[in-house]
C-alpha atoms as a PDB file:
ATOM      1  CA  UNK A   1       0.794   0.699 -10.938  1.00  0.00           C
ATOM      2  CA  UNK A   2       3.816  -1.574 -11.373  1.00  0.00           C
ATOM      3  CA  UNK A   3       3.833  -5.131 -10.798  1.00  0.00           C
ATOM      4  CA  UNK A   4       7.097  -7.161  -9.852  1.00  0.00           C
ATOM      5  CA  UNK A   5       7.198 -10.729 -11.474  1.00  0.00           C
ATOM      6  CA  UNK A   6       9.382 -13.281 -10.142  1.00  0.00           C
ATOM      7  CA  UNK A   7      10.613 -16.754 -11.439  1.00  0.00           C
ATOM      8  CA  UNK A   8       8.866 -17.973 -14.546  1.00  0.00           C
ATOM      9  CA  UNK A   9       5.998 -15.072 -14.164  1.00  0.00           C
ATOM     10  CA  UNK A  10       8.658 -12.743 -15.197  1.00  0.00           C
ATOM     11  CA  UNK A  11       9.768 -15.079 -18.103  1.00  0.00           C
ATOM     12  CA  UNK A  12       6.202 -15.501 -19.243  1.00  0.00           C
ATOM     13  CA  UNK A  13       5.367 -11.693 -19.183  1.00  0.00           C
ATOM     14  CA  UNK A  14       8.849 -10.773 -20.682  1.00  0.00           C
ATOM     15  CA  UNK A  15      10.048  -8.734 -17.701  1.00  0.00           C
ATOM     16  CA  UNK A  16      10.302  -8.715 -14.143  1.00  0.00           C
ATOM     17  CA  UNK A  17       8.513  -5.108 -14.102  1.00  0.00           C
ATOM     18  CA  UNK A  18       5.388  -4.595 -15.702  1.00  0.00           C
ATOM     19  CA  UNK A  19       3.361  -1.487 -15.592  1.00  0.00           C
ATOM     20  CA  UNK A  20      -0.511  -1.869 -15.575  1.00  0.00           C
ATOM     21  CA  UNK A  21      -3.361   0.538 -15.925  1.00  0.00           C
ATOM     22  CA  UNK A  22      -4.228   0.894 -12.066  1.00  0.00           C
ATOM     23  CA  UNK A  23      -4.559   3.776  -9.849  1.00  0.00           C
ATOM     24  CA  UNK A  24      -4.716   4.577  -6.294  1.00  0.00           C
ATOM     25  CA  UNK A  25      -8.473   3.609  -5.087  1.00  0.00           C
ATOM     26  CA  UNK A  26      -8.561   0.702  -7.411  1.00  0.00           C
ATOM     27  CA  UNK A  27      -8.346  -2.878  -5.802  1.00  0.00           C
ATOM     28  CA  UNK A  28      -5.278  -5.217  -5.941  1.00  0.00           C
ATOM     29  CA  UNK A  29      -7.743  -7.520  -7.846  1.00  0.00           C
ATOM     30  CA  UNK A  30      -8.199  -4.624 -10.437  1.00  0.00           C
ATOM     31  CA  UNK A  31      -4.454  -4.535 -10.771  1.00  0.00           C
ATOM     32  CA  UNK A  32      -4.219  -7.986 -11.481  1.00  0.00           C
ATOM     33  CA  UNK A  33      -7.047  -8.059 -13.836  1.00  0.00           C
ATOM     34  CA  UNK A  34      -5.111  -5.104 -15.766  1.00  0.00           C
ATOM     35  CA  UNK A  35      -1.814  -7.531 -15.555  1.00  0.00           C
ATOM     36  CA  UNK A  36      -3.807 -10.659 -16.880  1.00  0.00           C
ATOM     37  CA  UNK A  37      -5.295  -8.639 -19.646  1.00  0.00           C
ATOM     38  CA  UNK A  38      -2.078  -7.191 -20.854  1.00  0.00           C
ATOM     39  CA  UNK A  39      -0.214 -10.538 -20.532  1.00  0.00           C
ATOM     40  CA  UNK A  40      -2.893 -13.221 -21.181  1.00  0.00           C
ATOM     41  CA  UNK A  41      -0.305 -16.073 -21.164  1.00  0.00           C
ATOM     42  CA  UNK A  42       0.039 -15.352 -17.197  1.00  0.00           C
ATOM     43  CA  UNK A  43      -3.704 -16.373 -16.674  1.00  0.00           C
ATOM     44  CA  UNK A  44      -3.207 -20.209 -16.639  1.00  0.00           C
ATOM     45  CA  UNK A  45      -0.017 -20.094 -14.632  1.00  0.00           C
ATOM     46  CA  UNK A  46      -1.907 -17.656 -11.821  1.00  0.00           C
ATOM     47  CA  UNK A  47      -5.629 -18.329 -11.778  1.00  0.00           C
ATOM     48  CA  UNK A  48      -7.039 -21.719 -10.917  1.00  0.00           C
ATOM     49  CA  UNK A  49     -10.971 -22.176 -10.894  1.00  0.00           C
ATOM     50  CA  UNK A  50     -11.565 -18.227 -11.408  1.00  0.00           C
ATOM     51  CA  UNK A  51      -9.316 -17.398  -8.240  1.00  0.00           C
ATOM     52  CA  UNK A  52      -5.775 -16.851  -7.641  1.00  0.00           C
ATOM     53  CA  UNK A  53      -4.101 -20.233  -7.351  1.00  0.00           C
ATOM     54  CA  UNK A  54      -3.315 -21.166  -3.670  1.00  0.00           C
ATOM     55  CA  UNK A  55       0.361 -21.628  -4.725  1.00  0.00           C
ATOM     56  CA  UNK A  56       0.922 -18.040  -5.942  1.00  0.00           C
ATOM     57  CA  UNK A  57       1.581 -15.140  -3.508  1.00  0.00           C
ATOM     58  CA  UNK A  58       0.121 -11.789  -4.283  1.00  0.00           C
ATOM     59  CA  UNK A  59       1.923  -9.120  -2.113  1.00  0.00           C
ATOM     60  CA  UNK A  60       1.071  -5.509  -1.449  1.00  0.00           C
ATOM     61  CA  UNK A  61       4.194  -3.641  -0.172  1.00  0.00           C
ATOM     62  CA  UNK A  62       5.667  -7.065   0.885  1.00  0.00           C
ATOM     63  CA  UNK A  63       2.551  -8.258   2.668  1.00  0.00           C
ATOM     64  CA  UNK A  64       0.604 -11.222   1.343  1.00  0.00           C
ATOM     65  CA  UNK A  65      -2.961  -9.678   0.834  1.00  0.00           C
ATOM     66  CA  UNK A  66      -4.593 -12.971   1.652  1.00  0.00           C
ATOM     67  CA  UNK A  67      -3.761 -12.139   5.192  1.00  0.00           C
ATOM     68  CA  UNK A  68      -5.014  -8.402   4.723  1.00  0.00           C
ATOM     69  CA  UNK A  69      -8.330  -7.829   2.845  1.00  0.00           C
ATOM     70  CA  UNK A  70      -7.684 -10.103  -0.182  1.00  0.00           C
ATOM     71  CA  UNK A  71      -8.176  -9.071  -3.717  1.00  0.00           C
ATOM     72  CA  UNK A  72     -10.355  -6.361  -2.537  1.00  0.00           C
ATOM     73  CA  UNK A  73      -7.653  -4.455  -0.673  1.00  0.00           C
ATOM     74  CA  UNK A  74      -7.644  -0.932  -1.934  1.00  0.00           C
ATOM     75  CA  UNK A  75      -4.530   0.479  -3.473  1.00  0.00           C
ATOM     76  CA  UNK A  76      -2.699   3.653  -2.457  1.00  0.00           C
ATOM     77  CA  UNK A  77      -0.385   5.849  -4.314  1.00  0.00           C
ATOM     78  CA  UNK A  78       3.360   4.185  -3.987  1.00  0.00           C
ATOM     79  CA  UNK A  79       1.960   0.786  -3.180  1.00  0.00           C
ATOM     80  CA  UNK A  80       4.328  -2.135  -4.460  1.00  0.00           C
ATOM     81  CA  UNK A  81       2.624  -5.308  -5.857  1.00  0.00           C
ATOM     82  CA  UNK A  82       4.192  -8.436  -6.635  1.00  0.00           C
ATOM     83  CA  UNK A  83       3.393 -11.894  -7.810  1.00  0.00           C
ATOM     84  CA  UNK A  84       5.539 -14.627  -6.512  1.00  0.00           C
ATOM     85  CA  UNK A  85       5.018 -18.415  -7.733  1.00  0.00           C
ATOM     86  CA  UNK A  86       6.362 -21.521  -5.355  1.00  0.00           C
ATOM     87  CA  UNK A  87      10.099 -21.424  -5.616  1.00  0.00           C
ATOM     88  CA  UNK A  88      12.295 -24.346  -4.643  1.00  0.00           C
ATOM     89  CA  UNK A  89      15.573 -25.587  -5.385  1.00  0.00           C
ATOM     90  CA  UNK A  90      19.195 -24.606  -4.406  1.00  0.00           C
ATOM     91  CA  UNK A  91      21.648 -27.406  -3.844  1.00  0.00           C
ATOM     92  CA  UNK A  92      22.463 -28.578  -0.335  1.00  0.00           C
ATOM     93  CA  UNK A  93      26.366 -28.015   0.517  1.00  0.00           C
ATOM     94  CA  UNK A  94      28.271 -30.993   1.343  1.00  0.00           C
END
């Protein structure tokens, strides 16, 4: 499986697209564990009190997993996984 990482998460991991040892039938949580094992510097940014931090969005095929099965969501072949930290900014035009 492949994770797409955005903003500072991509910087911490050293890339926007990270392959991990997860397969169809594994869970989103398994895939996240594999990502954090391969890139332990992400752990402090993604995990708080043993859970995915509230401000981190975990997406499977563009849908937030918190609304659909959580980290126990089973992966299918071809699934797209993404991690989004909170993003802000952009200047207001005058």
